[in-house]
C-alpha atoms as a PDB file:
ATOM      1  CA  MET A   1     -62.977 -19.689  13.838  1.00  0.00           C
ATOM      2  CA  ASN A   2     -59.380 -20.870  13.636  1.00  0.00           C
ATOM      3  CA  ARG A   3     -57.190 -18.158  12.046  1.00  0.00           C
ATOM      4  CA  LEU A   4     -54.974 -20.692  10.256  1.00  0.00           C
ATOM      5  CA  ARG A   5     -58.026 -22.329   8.691  1.00  0.00           C
ATOM      6  CA  VAL A   6     -59.261 -18.974   7.366  1.00  0.00           C
ATOM      7  CA  ILE A   7     -55.835 -18.204   5.887  1.00  0.00           C
ATOM      8  CA  CYS A   8     -55.671 -21.639   4.281  1.00  0.00           C
ATOM      9  CA  ALA A   9     -59.157 -21.201   2.889  1.00  0.00           C
ATOM     10  CA  TRP A  10     -58.184 -17.899   1.288  1.00  0.00           C
ATOM     11  CA  LEU A  11     -55.014 -19.390  -0.189  1.00  0.00           C
ATOM     12  CA  LEU A  12     -56.915 -22.319  -1.651  1.00  0.00           C
ATOM     13  CA  LEU A  13     -59.618 -20.121  -3.171  1.00  0.00           C
ATOM     14  CA  THR A  14     -57.109 -17.756  -4.770  1.00  0.00           C
ATOM     15  CA  GLY A  15     -55.126 -20.640  -6.223  1.00  0.00           C
ATOM     16  CA  LEU A  16     -51.998 -19.873  -4.201  1.00  0.00           C
ATOM     17  CA  THR A  17     -49.853 -22.548  -2.607  1.00  0.00           C
ATOM     18  CA  GLY A  18     -48.149 -22.655   0.723  1.00  0.00           C
ATOM     19  CA  CYS A  19     -50.933 -24.004   2.855  1.00  0.00           C
ATOM     20  CA  VAL A  20     -49.449 -27.368   3.740  1.00  0.00           C
ATOM     21  CA  PRO A  21     -50.163 -29.853   6.532  1.00  0.00           C
ATOM     22  CA  MET A  22     -48.495 -28.910   9.801  1.00  0.00           C
ATOM     23  CA  ASP A  23     -47.978 -31.049  12.872  1.00  0.00           C
ATOM     24  CA  THR A  24     -49.371 -29.663  16.102  1.00  0.00           C
ATOM     25  CA  PRO A  25     -49.732 -31.115  19.616  1.00  0.00           C
ATOM     26  CA  ASN A  26     -53.284 -32.064  18.649  1.00  0.00           C
ATOM     27  CA  GLY A  27     -52.294 -33.743  15.397  1.00  0.00           C
ATOM     28  CA  PRO A  28     -51.920 -32.570  11.802  1.00  0.00           C
ATOM     29  CA  VAL A  29     -53.788 -29.395  10.920  1.00  0.00           C
ATOM     30  CA  SER A  30     -54.858 -31.007   7.664  1.00  0.00           C
ATOM     31  CA  SER A  31     -56.835 -33.729   9.432  1.00  0.00           C
ATOM     32  CA  GLY A  32     -60.489 -33.375   8.425  1.00  0.00           C
ATOM     33  CA  PHE A  33     -59.751 -30.105   6.625  1.00  0.00           C
ATOM     34  CA  LEU A  34     -57.102 -30.118   3.941  1.00  0.00           C
ATOM     35  CA  GLY A  35     -56.910 -32.781   1.304  1.00  0.00           C
ATOM     36  CA  GLU A  36     -59.668 -34.432  -0.647  1.00  0.00           C
ATOM     37  CA  ARG A  37     -61.071 -37.906  -0.216  1.00  0.00           C
ATOM     38  CA  ARG A  38     -60.656 -38.316  -3.949  1.00  0.00           C
ATOM     39  CA  SER A  39     -57.305 -39.588  -5.108  1.00  0.00           C
ATOM     40  CA  PRO A  40     -55.165 -37.085  -7.060  1.00  0.00           C
ATOM     41  CA  GLU A  41     -55.762 -39.175 -10.170  1.00  0.00           C
ATOM     42  CA  ALA A  42     -59.553 -39.017  -9.717  1.00  0.00           C
ATOM     43  CA  ALA A  43     -59.432 -35.254  -9.143  1.00  0.00           C
ATOM     44  CA  ILE A  44     -57.426 -34.768 -12.346  1.00  0.00           C
ATOM     45  CA  GLU A  45     -59.851 -36.945 -14.306  1.00  0.00           C
ATOM     46  CA  ASP A  46     -62.827 -34.955 -12.985  1.00  0.00           C
ATOM     47  CA  ASN A  47     -61.175 -31.649 -13.893  1.00  0.00           C
ATOM     48  CA  MET A  48     -60.342 -32.913 -17.370  1.00  0.00           C
ATOM     49  CA  LEU A  49     -63.912 -34.143 -17.826  1.00  0.00           C
ATOM     50  CA  ALA A  50     -65.308 -30.757 -16.789  1.00  0.00           C
ATOM     51  CA  MET A  51     -62.956 -29.000 -19.208  1.00  0.00           C
ATOM     52  CA  LYS A  52     -64.005 -31.379 -21.981  1.00  0.00           C
ATOM     53  CA  LEU A  53     -67.703 -30.657 -21.417  1.00  0.00           C
ATOM     54  CA  ARG A  54     -67.094 -26.899 -21.366  1.00  0.00           C
ATOM     55  CA  SER A  55     -65.179 -27.124 -24.632  1.00  0.00           C
ATOM     56  CA  TYR A  56     -68.026 -29.121 -26.204  1.00  0.00           C
ATOM     57  CA  TYR A  57     -70.534 -26.493 -25.100  1.00  0.00           C
ATOM     58  CA  MET A  58     -68.323 -23.669 -26.328  1.00  0.00           C
ATOM     59  CA  ARG A  59     -68.178 -25.175 -29.826  1.00  0.00           C
ATOM     60  CA  HIS A  60     -71.896 -26.007 -30.050  1.00  0.00           C
ATOM     61  CA  ASP A  61     -74.072 -23.360 -31.718  1.00  0.00           C
ATOM     62  CA  LYS A  62     -77.188 -24.333 -29.720  1.00  0.00           C
ATOM     63  CA  VAL A  63     -75.596 -23.995 -26.282  1.00  0.00           C
ATOM     64  CA  SER A  64     -74.634 -20.754 -24.553  1.00  0.00           C
ATOM     65  CA  PHE A  65     -71.660 -22.173 -22.666  1.00  0.00           C
ATOM     66  CA  ALA A  66     -71.094 -18.998 -20.631  1.00  0.00           C
ATOM     67  CA  ASN A  67     -74.417 -19.526 -18.829  1.00  0.00           C
ATOM     68  CA  ILE A  68     -73.846 -23.173 -17.875  1.00  0.00           C
ATOM     69  CA  ASN A  69     -71.831 -24.222 -14.834  1.00  0.00           C
ATOM     70  CA  VAL A  70     -70.261 -27.677 -14.904  1.00  0.00           C
ATOM     71  CA  SER A  71     -69.279 -29.495 -11.695  1.00  0.00           C
ATOM     72  CA  VAL A  72     -67.793 -32.998 -11.755  1.00  0.00           C
ATOM     73  CA  TYR A  73     -67.057 -35.211  -8.765  1.00  0.00           C
ATOM     74  CA  GLN A  74     -66.003 -38.831  -9.323  1.00  0.00           C
ATOM     75  CA  GLY A  75     -67.559 -38.805 -12.769  1.00  0.00           C
ATOM     76  CA  VAL A  76     -70.913 -37.433 -11.599  1.00  0.00           C
ATOM     77  CA  VAL A  77     -71.806 -34.244 -13.477  1.00  0.00           C
ATOM     78  CA  LEU A  78     -74.015 -31.437 -12.170  1.00  0.00           C
ATOM     79  CA  LEU A  79     -75.194 -28.804 -14.656  1.00  0.00           C
ATOM     80  CA  THR A  80     -76.500 -25.543 -13.210  1.00  0.00           C
ATOM     81  CA  GLY A  81     -77.249 -22.125 -14.620  1.00  0.00           C
ATOM     82  CA  THR A  82     -79.613 -20.562 -17.098  1.00  0.00           C
ATOM     83  CA  ALA A  83     -80.860 -21.479 -20.560  1.00  0.00           C
ATOM     84  CA  SER A  84     -82.799 -19.660 -23.262  1.00  0.00           C
ATOM     85  CA  SER A  85     -84.998 -22.653 -24.116  1.00  0.00           C
ATOM     86  CA  GLN A  86     -85.798 -26.253 -23.253  1.00  0.00           C
ATOM     87  CA  GLU A  87     -84.035 -27.238 -26.460  1.00  0.00           C
ATOM     88  CA  GLU A  88     -80.805 -25.774 -25.107  1.00  0.00           C
ATOM     89  CA  ILE A  89     -81.222 -27.743 -21.868  1.00  0.00           C
ATOM     90  CA  ASP A  90     -81.905 -30.968 -23.768  1.00  0.00           C
ATOM     91  CA  THR A  91     -78.853 -30.375 -25.972  1.00  0.00           C
ATOM     92  CA  ALA A  92     -76.576 -29.747 -22.993  1.00  0.00           C
ATOM     93  CA  LEU A  93     -77.883 -32.894 -21.285  1.00  0.00           C
ATOM     94  CA  GLY A  94     -77.427 -34.975 -24.420  1.00  0.00           C
ATOM     95  CA  ILE A  95     -73.831 -33.851 -24.821  1.00  0.00           C
ATOM     96  CA  ALA A  96     -73.025 -34.645 -21.184  1.00  0.00           C
ATOM     97  CA  LYS A  97     -74.769 -38.014 -21.376  1.00  0.00           C
ATOM     98  CA  ALA A  98     -72.785 -39.029 -24.459  1.00  0.00           C
ATOM     99  CA  THR A  99     -69.405 -37.926 -23.098  1.00  0.00           C
ATOM    100  CA  ARG A 100     -67.062 -40.774 -22.291  1.00  0.00           C
ATOM    101  CA  GLY A 101     -66.240 -41.009 -18.596  1.00  0.00           C
ATOM    102  CA  VAL A 102     -69.503 -39.539 -17.327  1.00  0.00           C
ATOM    103  CA  VAL A 103     -71.182 -41.752 -14.720  1.00  0.00           C
ATOM    104  CA  ARG A 104     -74.375 -39.732 -14.114  1.00  0.00           C
ATOM    105  CA  VAL A 105     -75.729 -36.306 -14.989  1.00  0.00           C
ATOM    106  CA  HIS A 106     -77.781 -34.181 -12.598  1.00  0.00           C
ATOM    107  CA  SER A 107     -79.516 -31.245 -14.250  1.00  0.00           C
ATOM    108  CA  GLU A 108     -80.590 -28.074 -12.467  1.00  0.00           C
ATOM    109  CA  LEU A 109     -80.638 -26.018 -15.668  1.00  0.00           C
ATOM    110  CA  LYS A 110     -83.723 -23.824 -15.971  1.00  0.00           C
ATOM    111  CA  VAL A 111     -85.171 -21.632 -18.700  1.00  0.00           C
ATOM    112  CA  GLN A 112     -84.521 -18.243 -17.125  1.00  0.00           C
ATOM    113  CA  GLN A 113     -82.317 -15.171 -17.333  1.00  0.00           C
ATOM    114  CA  ALA A 114     -79.909 -13.724 -14.794  1.00  0.00           C
ATOM    115  CA  SER A 115     -79.013 -10.042 -14.702  1.00  0.00           C
ATOM    116  CA  PHE A 116     -75.459  -8.795 -14.271  1.00  0.00           C
ATOM    117  CA  GLY A 117     -76.279  -7.896 -10.689  1.00  0.00           C
ATOM    118  CA  GLU A 118     -77.556 -11.397  -9.980  1.00  0.00           C
ATOM    119  CA  VAL A 119     -74.468 -12.976 -11.536  1.00  0.00           C
ATOM    120  CA  THR A 120     -72.253 -10.770  -9.364  1.00  0.00           C
ATOM    121  CA  LYS A 121     -74.190 -11.705  -6.220  1.00  0.00           C
ATOM    122  CA  ASP A 122     -74.064 -15.392  -7.145  1.00  0.00           C
ATOM    123  CA  ALA A 123     -70.262 -15.239  -7.432  1.00  0.00           C
ATOM    124  CA  TRP A 124     -70.123 -13.687  -3.960  1.00  0.00           C
ATOM    125  CA  TYR A 125     -72.437 -16.345  -2.512  1.00  0.00           C
ATOM    126  CA  THR A 126     -70.306 -19.110  -4.038  1.00  0.00           C
ATOM    127  CA  ASN A 127     -67.049 -17.723  -2.640  1.00  0.00           C
ATOM    128  CA  GLU A 128     -68.570 -17.042   0.775  1.00  0.00           C
ATOM    129  CA  VAL A 129     -69.947 -20.580   1.065  1.00  0.00           C
ATOM    130  CA  LYS A 130     -66.604 -22.037  -0.048  1.00  0.00           C
ATOM    131  CA  ILE A 131     -64.700 -20.013   2.539  1.00  0.00           C
ATOM    132  CA  ARG A 132     -67.062 -21.073   5.330  1.00  0.00           C
ATOM    133  CA  LEU A 133     -66.940 -24.735   4.319  1.00  0.00           C
ATOM    134  CA  LEU A 134     -63.138 -24.717   4.206  1.00  0.00           C
ATOM    135  CA  ALA A 135     -62.981 -23.058   7.609  1.00  0.00           C
ATOM    136  CA  ASP A 136     -65.542 -25.350   9.259  1.00  0.00           C
ATOM    137  CA  GLU A 137     -64.042 -28.099  11.427  1.00  0.00           C
ATOM    138  CA  GLN A 138     -66.983 -30.467  10.874  1.00  0.00           C
ATOM    139  CA  VAL A 139     -66.737 -30.478   7.072  1.00  0.00           C
ATOM    140  CA  ARG A 140     -63.924 -31.418   4.725  1.00  0.00           C
ATOM    141  CA  GLY A 141     -64.435 -28.383   2.541  1.00  0.00           C
ATOM    142  CA  LEU A 142     -62.407 -29.543  -0.434  1.00  0.00           C
ATOM    143  CA  ASP A 143     -64.831 -32.438  -0.886  1.00  0.00           C
ATOM    144  CA  VAL A 144     -67.755 -30.058  -1.421  1.00  0.00           C
ATOM    145  CA  HIS A 145     -68.120 -28.128  -4.682  1.00  0.00           C
ATOM    146  CA  VAL A 146     -70.286 -25.026  -4.780  1.00  0.00           C
ATOM    147  CA  GLU A 147     -72.201 -23.312  -7.597  1.00  0.00           C
ATOM    148  CA  THR A 148     -74.858 -20.596  -7.323  1.00  0.00           C
ATOM    149  CA  THR A 149     -77.590 -19.463  -9.715  1.00  0.00           C
ATOM    150  CA  LYS A 150     -80.021 -16.664  -8.842  1.00  0.00           C
ATOM    151  CA  GLY A 151     -79.421 -17.099  -5.118  1.00  0.00           C
ATOM    152  CA  VAL A 152     -79.790 -20.892  -5.164  1.00  0.00           C
ATOM    153  CA  VAL A 153     -76.667 -22.664  -3.892  1.00  0.00           C
ATOM    154  CA  TYR A 154     -75.905 -26.122  -5.308  1.00  0.00           C
ATOM    155  CA  LEU A 155     -73.573 -28.470  -3.425  1.00  0.00           C
ATOM    156  CA  THR A 156     -71.902 -31.562  -4.866  1.00  0.00           C
ATOM    157  CA  GLY A 157     -69.216 -33.910  -3.615  1.00  0.00           C
ATOM    158  CA  MET A 158     -68.780 -36.563  -0.954  1.00  0.00           C
ATOM    159  CA  ALA A 159     -69.423 -36.663   2.782  1.00  0.00           C
ATOM    160  CA  GLN A 160     -68.262 -39.281   5.233  1.00  0.00           C
ATOM    161  CA  SER A 161     -71.591 -39.244   7.078  1.00  0.00           C
ATOM    162  CA  VAL A 162     -75.109 -37.836   6.973  1.00  0.00           C
ATOM    163  CA  ALA A 163     -74.099 -35.473   9.780  1.00  0.00           C
ATOM    164  CA  GLU A 164     -71.255 -34.046   7.691  1.00  0.00           C
ATOM    165  CA  ARG A 165     -73.544 -33.629   4.684  1.00  0.00           C
ATOM    166  CA  ASN A 166     -76.178 -31.857   6.778  1.00  0.00           C
ATOM    167  CA  ARG A 167     -73.542 -29.636   8.335  1.00  0.00           C
ATOM    168  CA  ALA A 168     -72.388 -28.533   4.869  1.00  0.00           C
ATOM    169  CA  ILE A 169     -76.006 -27.679   4.012  1.00  0.00           C
ATOM    170  CA  GLU A 170     -76.385 -25.760   7.265  1.00  0.00           C
ATOM    171  CA  VAL A 171     -73.207 -23.757   6.591  1.00  0.00           C
ATOM    172  CA  ALA A 172     -74.507 -22.744   3.164  1.00  0.00           C
ATOM    173  CA  ARG A 173     -77.903 -21.824   4.607  1.00  0.00           C
ATOM    174  CA  GLN A 174     -76.279 -19.440   7.076  1.00  0.00           C
ATOM    175  CA  VAL A 175     -74.981 -17.156   4.319  1.00  0.00           C
ATOM    176  CA  LYS A 176     -77.221 -14.096   4.234  1.00  0.00           C
ATOM    177  CA  GLY A 177     -79.089 -13.725   0.941  1.00  0.00           C
ATOM    178  CA  VAL A 178     -79.075 -17.401  -0.036  1.00  0.00           C
ATOM    179  CA  ARG A 179     -82.695 -18.288  -0.781  1.00  0.00           C
ATOM    180  CA  GLU A 180     -82.331 -22.035  -1.298  1.00  0.00           C
ATOM    181  CA  VAL A 181     -79.723 -24.783  -0.859  1.00  0.00           C
ATOM    182  CA  VAL A 182     -79.831 -27.877  -3.078  1.00  0.00           C
ATOM    183  CA  SER A 183     -77.484 -30.675  -2.051  1.00  0.00           C
ATOM    184  CA  TYR A 184     -76.280 -33.448  -4.329  1.00  0.00           C
ATOM    185  CA  ILE A 185     -73.606 -34.439  -1.808  1.00  0.00           C
ATOM    186  CA  GLU A 186     -73.363 -38.213  -1.631  1.00  0.00           C
ATOM    187  CA  VAL A 187     -72.667 -39.982   1.647  1.00  0.00           C
ATOM    188  CA  ASN A 188     -69.825 -42.485   1.413  1.00  0.00           C
ATOM    189  CA  PRO A 189     -71.584 -45.877   1.493  1.00  0.00           C
ATOM    190  CA  LYS A 190     -68.479 -47.544   2.934  1.00  0.00           C
ATOM    191  CA  ALA A 191     -68.767 -45.357   6.010  1.00  0.00           C
ATOM    192  CA  GLN A 192     -72.386 -46.321   6.706  1.00  0.00           C
ATOM    193  CA  PRO A 193     -73.408 -49.432   8.667  1.00  0.00           C
ATOM    194  CA  VAL A 194     -74.954 -52.252   6.677  1.00  0.00           C
ATOM    195  CA  THR A 195     -78.521 -52.743   7.943  1.00  0.00           C
ATOM    196  CA  SER A 196     -79.626 -55.609   5.755  1.00  0.00           C
ATOM    197  CA  THR A 197     -78.686 -57.732   2.782  1.00  0.00           C
ATOM    198  CA  PRO A 198     -80.351 -56.498  -0.426  1.00  0.00           C
ATOM    199  CA  ALA A 199     -82.591 -58.931  -2.236  1.00  0.00           C
ATOM    200  CA  LYS A 200     -81.226 -60.530  -5.376  1.00  0.00           C
ATOM    201  CA  ASP A 201     -83.990 -59.034  -7.502  1.00  0.00           C
ATOM    202  CA  ALA A 202     -83.764 -55.568  -5.985  1.00  0.00           C
ATOM    203  CA  GLY A 203     -82.109 -54.193  -9.142  1.00  0.00           C
ATOM    204  CA  PRO A 204     -79.345 -51.593  -9.375  1.00  0.00           C
ATOM    205  CA  PRO A 205     -78.987 -49.012  -6.592  1.00  0.00           C
ATOM    206  CA  GLN A 206     -81.108 -45.918  -7.106  1.00  0.00           C
ATOM    207  CA  THR A 207     -79.543 -42.464  -7.362  1.00  0.00           C
ATOM    208  CA  PRO A 208     -80.498 -40.476  -4.259  1.00  0.00           C
ATOM    209  CA  ALA A 209     -82.755 -37.478  -4.860  1.00  0.00           C
ATOM    210  CA  PRO A 210     -81.264 -34.081  -4.067  1.00  0.00           C
ATOM    211  CA  VAL A 211     -81.831 -32.576  -0.638  1.00  0.00           C
ATOM    212  CA  ARG A 212     -83.497 -29.153  -0.784  1.00  0.00           C
ATOM    213  CA  TYR A 213     -83.732 -26.478   1.893  1.00  0.00           C
ATOM    214  CA  GLY A 214     -85.570 -23.228   1.297  1.00  0.00           C
ATOM    215  CA  GLU A 215     -88.052 -22.249  -1.377  1.00  0.00           C
ATOM    216  CA  THR A 216     -90.003 -25.012  -3.103  1.00  0.00           C
ATOM    217  CA  GLY A 217     -89.215 -23.648  -6.539  1.00  0.00           C
ATOM    218  CA  ALA A 218     -88.751 -20.563  -8.706  1.00  0.00           C
ATOM    219  CA  GLY A 219     -91.633 -18.138  -8.412  1.00  0.00           C
ATOM    220  CA  GLN A 220     -93.326 -19.967  -5.538  1.00  0.00           C
ATOM    221  CA  SER A 221     -93.834 -18.346  -2.171  1.00  0.00           C
ATOM    222  CA  GLU A 222     -94.482 -21.545  -0.217  1.00  0.00           C
ATOM    223  CA  LYS A 223     -91.608 -22.518   2.072  1.00  0.00           C
ATOM    224  CA  VAL A 224     -90.327 -25.935   3.060  1.00  0.00           C
ATOM    225  CA  ALA A 225     -90.189 -26.379   6.834  1.00  0.00           C
ATOM    226  CA  LEU A 226     -86.561 -26.085   7.872  1.00  0.00           C
ATOM    227  CA  PRO A 227     -85.216 -28.498  10.502  1.00  0.00           C
ATOM    228  CA  PRO A 228     -83.927 -26.976  13.727  1.00  0.00           C
ATOM    229  CA  SER A 229     -80.577 -28.767  13.491  1.00  0.00           C
ATOM    230  CA  PRO A 230     -78.295 -30.381  10.880  1.00  0.00           C
ATOM    231  CA  GLU A 231     -79.068 -33.792  12.325  1.00  0.00           C
ATOM    232  CA  ALA A 232     -82.762 -33.594  11.398  1.00  0.00           C
ATOM    233  CA  LEU A 233     -83.798 -35.535   8.328  1.00  0.00           C
ATOM    234  CA  PRO A 234     -84.305 -33.100   5.394  1.00  0.00           C
ATOM    235  CA  PRO A 235     -87.306 -32.989   3.069  1.00  0.00           C
ATOM    236  CA  VAL A 236     -86.652 -34.537  -0.320  1.00  0.00           C
ATOM    237  CA  LYS A 237     -87.765 -33.333  -3.723  1.00  0.00           C
ATOM    238  CA  PRO A 238     -86.993 -35.367  -6.867  1.00  0.00           C
ATOM    239  CA  GLY A 239     -84.446 -33.870  -9.264  1.00  0.00           C
ATOM    240  CA  SER A 240     -83.566 -34.488 -12.884  1.00  0.00           C
ATOM    241  CA  VAL A 241     -81.177 -37.409 -13.228  1.00  0.00           C
ATOM    242  CA  VAL A 242     -79.878 -38.804 -16.504  1.00  0.00           C
ATOM    243  CA  GLU A 243     -77.742 -41.900 -16.691  1.00  0.00           C
ATOM    244  CA  GLY A 244     -74.448 -41.134 -18.399  1.00  0.00           C
ATOM    245  CA  GLY A 245     -72.507 -42.898 -21.088  1.00  0.00           C
ATOM    246  CA  PHE A 246     -69.073 -44.460 -21.040  1.00  0.00           C
END
């Protein structure tokens, strides 16, 4: 693992600056590693949208905002964490759906509780996955956001190819203790070859279902067969998707 990449990853995670692109005989160090595919303006808008949702949850008496994680990438919101009731989940979804600027809402909120020990482990899993993604030469780590709840790692963001998306999933799976990886990473459609012309009556494009590796669900012992390599096509399990408002 490249030492400079590890140092840069640590600087980025701790919020420190100083990790800037450097020219080397093989090209800029930042190529494929530093810098997001989002424009700075889009990144700021996503951060502001996430802050807005958190503030809404904080002020709402039916939502325990401290237990809900909010990730936003290009207007697509992913809610993860725990909830005390289905009513709380429905309320959180309704608020996100009605928030101006939200494109879609993915919900992985579940009625469950997490102990202090589990929360501490989840924070470690999240940081470890982030560090490994930032240090991996096959993934642009800043384009992948990571959240963890009860050992389940959730990935959001954008990949340039299916191979890059699968590599990000594989990196997360390699962290010891992670029991499941759920990927909402979208593959850049502009980078994929056009295979056919869609029919005029095909309707709007469908939101891709999340890619899941690991356990089939909370409390179930059955395992999904894991592919031997990142290039293998992953099994798909439908997730909760709510169209957002504008």
